[in-house]
Amino acid sequence: MRFFGYARVSTSQQSLDIQIEALKSAGVQKNRIFCDKASGRQMKREGLDLLRLKVEEGDVVLVKALDRLGRDTADMLQLIKEFDEMGVGVKFLDEGLDTKGTMGQMVVTILAAVAQAERRRILERTNEGRIEAKAKGIKFGRKRNIDRQKVLALRKQGLGATAIANQLGICRSSVYVIFKEGDDAITHIVD
């Protein structure tokens, strides 16, 4: 029996270090740990695909937590079924669960459904908060730090976008956006 590990984070800014250390502590050799920096909603992941190719009957795949394998219940169950058909077990370290036996598979199924429901609820709360904030007039995105009036004043003086961008130390595309906003404001006043 060989141990393999799988670690995943959702974005390239996140670190895999904690998961990798937990897998190594559980007995997985470093060269048998497969990693992805991708959303758990996608089942097409490079590290996961490589892991599927490497494991053989009798092997065990260790994953730090259930949600690291995937977010969607149906996809996770399909993946666990695929491993099971190959004779490969899956063990989740944080939850202390494995897919060997009927009871283990049932518990994993329930927890996967709970994880998916939790993810959906988080998204709902986030969207509700965003809608409420917008209704209160809160603006999202980066704060504007370019003096728009100065850009438009330089334009009135006859300077072009490149000259304005160079003079103010901003990119030319920002100048064009301000030009367009200024033109739209003038159009609304005239209408």
C-alpha atoms as a PDB file:
ATOM      1  CA  MET A   1       0.000   0.000   0.000  1.00  0.00           C
ATOM      2  CA  ARG A   2       1.342   3.407  -1.031  1.00  0.00           C
ATOM      3  CA  PHE A   3       0.177   6.773   0.256  1.00  0.00           C
ATOM      4  CA  PHE A   4      -0.437   9.629  -2.156  1.00  0.00           C
ATOM      5  CA  GLY A   5      -1.451  13.143  -1.189  1.00  0.00           C
ATOM      6  CA  TYR A   6      -3.615  15.772  -2.792  1.00  0.00           C
ATOM      7  CA  ALA A   7      -3.618  19.471  -1.864  1.00  0.00           C
ATOM      8  CA  ARG A   8      -5.583  22.322  -3.423  1.00  0.00           C
ATOM      9  CA  VAL A   9      -6.127  26.021  -2.920  1.00  0.00           C
ATOM     10  CA  SER A  10      -8.509  28.177  -4.925  1.00  0.00           C
ATOM     11  CA  THR A  11      -6.170  30.973  -6.008  1.00  0.00           C
ATOM     12  CA  SER A  12      -2.524  31.397  -6.868  1.00  0.00           C
ATOM     13  CA  GLN A  13      -2.131  33.861  -3.959  1.00  0.00           C
ATOM     14  CA  GLN A  14      -2.973  31.177  -1.381  1.00  0.00           C
ATOM     15  CA  SER A  15      -0.386  28.828   0.105  1.00  0.00           C
ATOM     16  CA  LEU A  16      -0.375  25.035  -0.023  1.00  0.00           C
ATOM     17  CA  ASP A  17       2.217  24.777   2.777  1.00  0.00           C
ATOM     18  CA  ILE A  18      -0.118  23.785   5.649  1.00  0.00           C
ATOM     19  CA  GLN A  19      -1.771  21.059   3.580  1.00  0.00           C
ATOM     20  CA  ILE A  20       1.548  19.712   2.298  1.00  0.00           C
ATOM     21  CA  GLU A  21       3.000  19.596   5.820  1.00  0.00           C
ATOM     22  CA  ALA A  22      -0.077  17.727   7.093  1.00  0.00           C
ATOM     23  CA  LEU A  23       0.235  15.198   4.255  1.00  0.00           C
ATOM     24  CA  LYS A  24       3.945  14.674   4.930  1.00  0.00           C
ATOM     25  CA  SER A  25       3.225  14.247   8.653  1.00  0.00           C
ATOM     26  CA  ALA A  26       0.673  11.571   7.744  1.00  0.00           C
ATOM     27  CA  GLY A  27       3.366   9.608   5.916  1.00  0.00           C
ATOM     28  CA  VAL A  28       3.098  10.795   2.311  1.00  0.00           C
ATOM     29  CA  GLN A  29       6.434  11.164   0.512  1.00  0.00           C
ATOM     30  CA  LYS A  30       6.983  14.613  -1.023  1.00  0.00           C
ATOM     31  CA  ASN A  31       7.221  13.191  -4.569  1.00  0.00           C
ATOM     32  CA  ARG A  32       3.765  11.629  -4.139  1.00  0.00           C
ATOM     33  CA  ILE A  33       1.950  14.854  -3.274  1.00  0.00           C
ATOM     34  CA  PHE A  34      -0.059  16.357  -6.118  1.00  0.00           C
ATOM     35  CA  CYS A  35      -1.214  19.966  -5.941  1.00  0.00           C
ATOM     36  CA  ASP A  36      -3.524  22.382  -7.704  1.00  0.00           C
ATOM     37  CA  LYS A  37      -4.160  26.080  -7.460  1.00  0.00           C
ATOM     38  CA  ALA A  38      -7.644  26.046  -8.960  1.00  0.00           C
ATOM     39  CA  SER A  39     -11.290  26.234  -7.997  1.00  0.00           C
ATOM     40  CA  GLY A  40     -12.795  23.117  -6.464  1.00  0.00           C
ATOM     41  CA  ARG A  41     -15.761  23.501  -8.789  1.00  0.00           C
ATOM     42  CA  GLN A  42     -13.611  22.403 -11.712  1.00  0.00           C
ATOM     43  CA  MET A  43     -12.877  18.691 -11.845  1.00  0.00           C
ATOM     44  CA  LYS A  44     -10.398  19.172 -14.696  1.00  0.00           C
ATOM     45  CA  ARG A  45      -7.272  20.018 -12.705  1.00  0.00           C
ATOM     46  CA  GLU A  46      -3.701  19.204 -13.700  1.00  0.00           C
ATOM     47  CA  GLY A  47      -2.555  17.866 -10.322  1.00  0.00           C
ATOM     48  CA  LEU A  48      -5.714  15.821  -9.829  1.00  0.00           C
ATOM     49  CA  ASP A  49      -5.442  14.376 -13.335  1.00  0.00           C
ATOM     50  CA  LEU A  50      -1.817  13.337 -12.674  1.00  0.00           C
ATOM     51  CA  LEU A  51      -2.831  11.759  -9.380  1.00  0.00           C
ATOM     52  CA  ARG A  52      -5.498   9.709 -11.157  1.00  0.00           C
ATOM     53  CA  LEU A  53      -2.851   8.379 -13.530  1.00  0.00           C
ATOM     54  CA  LYS A  54      -0.357   7.455 -10.789  1.00  0.00           C
ATOM     55  CA  VAL A  55      -2.506   5.593  -8.268  1.00  0.00           C
ATOM     56  CA  GLU A  56      -3.012   1.850  -8.458  1.00  0.00           C
ATOM     57  CA  GLU A  57      -5.108  -0.741  -6.672  1.00  0.00           C
ATOM     58  CA  GLY A  58      -4.360  -0.814  -2.953  1.00  0.00           C
ATOM     59  CA  ASP A  59      -3.116   2.790  -2.806  1.00  0.00           C
ATOM     60  CA  VAL A  60      -4.637   5.410  -0.499  1.00  0.00           C
ATOM     61  CA  VAL A  61      -5.073   9.087  -1.374  1.00  0.00           C
ATOM     62  CA  LEU A  62      -4.813  11.389   1.642  1.00  0.00           C
ATOM     63  CA  VAL A  63      -6.460  14.814   1.547  1.00  0.00           C
ATOM     64  CA  LYS A  64      -6.253  17.289   4.441  1.00  0.00           C
ATOM     65  CA  ALA A  65      -9.936  18.259   4.290  1.00  0.00           C
ATOM     66  CA  LEU A  66     -13.030  17.234   2.384  1.00  0.00           C
ATOM     67  CA  ASP A  67     -13.458  20.597   0.633  1.00  0.00           C
ATOM     68  CA  ARG A  68      -9.886  20.408  -0.760  1.00  0.00           C
ATOM     69  CA  LEU A  69     -10.889  17.538  -3.043  1.00  0.00           C
ATOM     70  CA  GLY A  70     -13.830  19.448  -4.505  1.00  0.00           C
ATOM     71  CA  ARG A  71     -16.809  21.687  -3.868  1.00  0.00           C
ATOM     72  CA  ASP A  72     -19.577  20.032  -5.870  1.00  0.00           C
ATOM     73  CA  THR A  73     -21.133  16.944  -4.253  1.00  0.00           C
ATOM     74  CA  ALA A  74     -21.878  15.132  -7.510  1.00  0.00           C
ATOM     75  CA  ASP A  75     -18.344  15.663  -8.837  1.00  0.00           C
ATOM     76  CA  MET A  76     -16.761  14.565  -5.558  1.00  0.00           C
ATOM     77  CA  LEU A  77     -18.894  11.441  -5.403  1.00  0.00           C
ATOM     78  CA  GLN A  78     -17.988  10.625  -9.003  1.00  0.00           C
ATOM     79  CA  LEU A  79     -14.301  11.057  -8.188  1.00  0.00           C
ATOM     80  CA  ILE A  80     -14.549   8.913  -5.062  1.00  0.00           C
ATOM     81  CA  LYS A  81     -16.443   6.286  -7.080  1.00  0.00           C
ATOM     82  CA  GLU A  82     -13.699   6.375  -9.722  1.00  0.00           C
ATOM     83  CA  PHE A  83     -11.030   5.807  -7.068  1.00  0.00           C
ATOM     84  CA  ASP A  84     -13.138   3.065  -5.461  1.00  0.00           C
ATOM     85  CA  GLU A  85     -13.482   1.235  -8.795  1.00  0.00           C
ATOM     86  CA  MET A  86      -9.681   1.352  -9.120  1.00  0.00           C
ATOM     87  CA  GLY A  87      -9.344  -0.133  -5.629  1.00  0.00           C
ATOM     88  CA  VAL A  88      -7.952   3.145  -4.273  1.00  0.00           C
ATOM     89  CA  GLY A  89      -9.121   4.497  -0.928  1.00  0.00           C
ATOM     90  CA  VAL A  90      -9.500   8.167  -0.047  1.00  0.00           C
ATOM     91  CA  LYS A  91      -8.886   9.412   3.490  1.00  0.00           C
ATOM     92  CA  PHE A  92      -9.689  12.899   4.795  1.00  0.00           C
ATOM     93  CA  LEU A  93      -7.318  13.825   7.617  1.00  0.00           C
ATOM     94  CA  ASP A  94      -9.235  16.687   9.279  1.00  0.00           C
ATOM     95  CA  GLU A  95     -12.515  14.783   9.371  1.00  0.00           C
ATOM     96  CA  GLY A  96     -10.891  11.426  10.197  1.00  0.00           C
ATOM     97  CA  LEU A  97     -12.917   9.735   7.459  1.00  0.00           C
ATOM     98  CA  ASP A  98     -12.090   7.319   4.714  1.00  0.00           C
ATOM     99  CA  THR A  99     -14.062   5.876   1.831  1.00  0.00           C
ATOM    100  CA  LYS A 100     -13.447   2.247   2.704  1.00  0.00           C
ATOM    101  CA  GLY A 101     -16.690   0.528   3.556  1.00  0.00           C
ATOM    102  CA  THR A 102     -20.315   1.475   3.210  1.00  0.00           C
ATOM    103  CA  MET A 103     -20.427   3.612   6.338  1.00  0.00           C
ATOM    104  CA  GLY A 104     -17.388   5.647   5.289  1.00  0.00           C
ATOM    105  CA  GLN A 105     -18.883   6.336   1.872  1.00  0.00           C
ATOM    106  CA  MET A 106     -22.213   7.343   3.400  1.00  0.00           C
ATOM    107  CA  VAL A 107     -20.579   9.814   5.795  1.00  0.00           C
ATOM    108  CA  VAL A 108     -18.443  11.278   2.983  1.00  0.00           C
ATOM    109  CA  THR A 109     -21.589  11.687   0.848  1.00  0.00           C
ATOM    110  CA  ILE A 110     -23.377  13.550   3.631  1.00  0.00           C
ATOM    111  CA  LEU A 111     -20.393  15.787   4.393  1.00  0.00           C
ATOM    112  CA  ALA A 112     -19.878  16.568   0.703  1.00  0.00           C
ATOM    113  CA  ALA A 113     -23.521  17.665   0.473  1.00  0.00           C
ATOM    114  CA  VAL A 114     -23.102  19.819   3.589  1.00  0.00           C
ATOM    115  CA  ALA A 115     -19.912  21.394   2.165  1.00  0.00           C
ATOM    116  CA  GLN A 116     -21.700  22.226  -1.083  1.00  0.00           C
ATOM    117  CA  ALA A 117     -24.677  23.725   0.766  1.00  0.00           C
ATOM    118  CA  GLU A 118     -22.309  25.773   2.945  1.00  0.00           C
ATOM    119  CA  ARG A 119     -20.523  27.119  -0.139  1.00  0.00           C
ATOM    120  CA  ARG A 120     -23.839  28.126  -1.728  1.00  0.00           C
ATOM    121  CA  ARG A 121     -24.970  29.830   1.482  1.00  0.00           C
ATOM    122  CA  ILE A 122     -21.692  31.780   1.679  1.00  0.00           C
ATOM    123  CA  LEU A 123     -22.242  32.985  -1.887  1.00  0.00           C
ATOM    124  CA  GLU A 124     -25.829  33.977  -1.090  1.00  0.00           C
ATOM    125  CA  ARG A 125     -24.776  35.950   1.995  1.00  0.00           C
ATOM    126  CA  THR A 126     -21.973  37.632   0.057  1.00  0.00           C
ATOM    127  CA  ASN A 127     -24.364  38.668  -2.717  1.00  0.00           C
ATOM    128  CA  GLU A 128     -26.974  39.875  -0.215  1.00  0.00           C
ATOM    129  CA  GLY A 129     -24.312  41.981   1.511  1.00  0.00           C
ATOM    130  CA  ARG A 130     -23.125  43.420  -1.800  1.00  0.00           C
ATOM    131  CA  ILE A 131     -26.691  44.355  -2.811  1.00  0.00           C
ATOM    132  CA  GLU A 132     -27.340  45.972   0.590  1.00  0.00           C
ATOM    133  CA  ALA A 133     -24.066  47.916   0.416  1.00  0.00           C
ATOM    134  CA  LYS A 134     -24.850  49.200  -3.092  1.00  0.00           C
ATOM    135  CA  ALA A 135     -28.309  50.288  -1.924  1.00  0.00           C
ATOM    136  CA  LYS A 136     -26.581  52.325   0.804  1.00  0.00           C
ATOM    137  CA  GLY A 137     -24.401  53.984  -1.818  1.00  0.00           C
ATOM    138  CA  ILE A 138     -21.177  52.132  -1.113  1.00  0.00           C
ATOM    139  CA  LYS A 139     -18.942  51.949  -4.175  1.00  0.00           C
ATOM    140  CA  PHE A 140     -16.913  48.855  -4.973  1.00  0.00           C
ATOM    141  CA  GLY A 141     -13.533  48.662  -6.630  1.00  0.00           C
ATOM    142  CA  ARG A 142     -10.410  50.731  -6.402  1.00  0.00           C
ATOM    143  CA  LYS A 143     -10.639  54.319  -5.271  1.00  0.00           C
ATOM    144  CA  ARG A 144     -10.086  56.823  -8.005  1.00  0.00           C
ATOM    145  CA  ASN A 145      -6.752  58.549  -7.627  1.00  0.00           C
ATOM    146  CA  ILE A 146      -6.526  60.402 -10.933  1.00  0.00           C
ATOM    147  CA  ASP A 147      -7.533  64.048 -11.023  1.00  0.00           C
ATOM    148  CA  ARG A 148     -10.241  63.858 -13.688  1.00  0.00           C
ATOM    149  CA  GLN A 149     -10.718  67.602 -13.833  1.00  0.00           C
ATOM    150  CA  LYS A 150      -7.025  68.058 -14.598  1.00  0.00           C
ATOM    151  CA  VAL A 151      -7.211  65.485 -17.430  1.00  0.00           C
ATOM    152  CA  LEU A 152     -10.218  67.222 -18.958  1.00  0.00           C
ATOM    153  CA  ALA A 153      -8.595  70.661 -18.518  1.00  0.00           C
ATOM    154  CA  LEU A 154      -5.475  69.458 -20.366  1.00  0.00           C
ATOM    155  CA  ARG A 155      -7.693  68.076 -23.115  1.00  0.00           C
ATOM    156  CA  LYS A 156      -9.368  71.489 -23.475  1.00  0.00           C
ATOM    157  CA  GLN A 157      -5.881  72.972 -23.858  1.00  0.00           C
ATOM    158  CA  GLY A 158      -5.473  70.785 -26.929  1.00  0.00           C
ATOM    159  CA  LEU A 159      -3.211  68.072 -25.539  1.00  0.00           C
ATOM    160  CA  GLY A 160      -3.709  64.536 -26.800  1.00  0.00           C
ATOM    161  CA  ALA A 161      -4.120  61.385 -24.725  1.00  0.00           C
ATOM    162  CA  THR A 162      -0.433  60.387 -24.969  1.00  0.00           C
ATOM    163  CA  ALA A 163       0.801  63.819 -23.894  1.00  0.00           C
ATOM    164  CA  ILE A 164      -1.654  63.936 -20.981  1.00  0.00           C
ATOM    165  CA  ALA A 165      -0.698  60.402 -19.883  1.00  0.00           C
ATOM    166  CA  ASN A 166       3.004  61.268 -19.970  1.00  0.00           C
ATOM    167  CA  GLN A 167       2.546  64.551 -18.140  1.00  0.00           C
ATOM    168  CA  LEU A 168       0.447  63.006 -15.329  1.00  0.00           C
ATOM    169  CA  GLY A 169       2.320  59.692 -15.178  1.00  0.00           C
ATOM    170  CA  ILE A 170      -0.756  57.568 -15.905  1.00  0.00           C
ATOM    171  CA  CYS A 171      -1.561  55.085 -18.626  1.00  0.00           C
ATOM    172  CA  ARG A 172      -3.118  56.265 -21.846  1.00  0.00           C
ATOM    173  CA  SER A 173      -6.109  53.909 -21.512  1.00  0.00           C
ATOM    174  CA  SER A 174      -7.073  55.700 -18.271  1.00  0.00           C
ATOM    175  CA  VAL A 175      -7.017  59.000 -20.131  1.00  0.00           C
ATOM    176  CA  TYR A 176      -9.375  57.584 -22.784  1.00  0.00           C
ATOM    177  CA  VAL A 177     -11.753  56.304 -20.073  1.00  0.00           C
ATOM    178  CA  ILE A 178     -11.868  59.806 -18.544  1.00  0.00           C
ATOM    179  CA  PHE A 179     -12.415  61.325 -22.005  1.00  0.00           C
ATOM    180  CA  LYS A 180     -15.368  58.996 -22.542  1.00  0.00           C
ATOM    181  CA  GLU A 181     -16.844  59.714 -19.096  1.00  0.00           C
ATOM    182  CA  GLY A 182     -16.482  63.440 -19.777  1.00  0.00           C
ATOM    183  CA  ASP A 183     -18.168  63.096 -23.186  1.00  0.00           C
ATOM    184  CA  ASP A 184     -21.007  61.050 -21.671  1.00  0.00           C
ATOM    185  CA  ALA A 185     -21.579  63.689 -18.970  1.00  0.00           C
ATOM    186  CA  ILE A 186     -21.744  66.426 -21.623  1.00  0.00           C
ATOM    187  CA  THR A 187     -24.197  64.342 -23.707  1.00  0.00           C
ATOM    188  CA  HIS A 188     -26.494  63.886 -20.667  1.00  0.00           C
ATOM    189  CA  ILE A 189     -26.511  67.645 -19.955  1.00  0.00           C
ATOM    190  CA  VAL A 190     -27.353  68.483 -23.588  1.00  0.00           C
ATOM    191  CA  ASP A 191     -30.172  65.875 -23.788  1.00  0.00           C
END
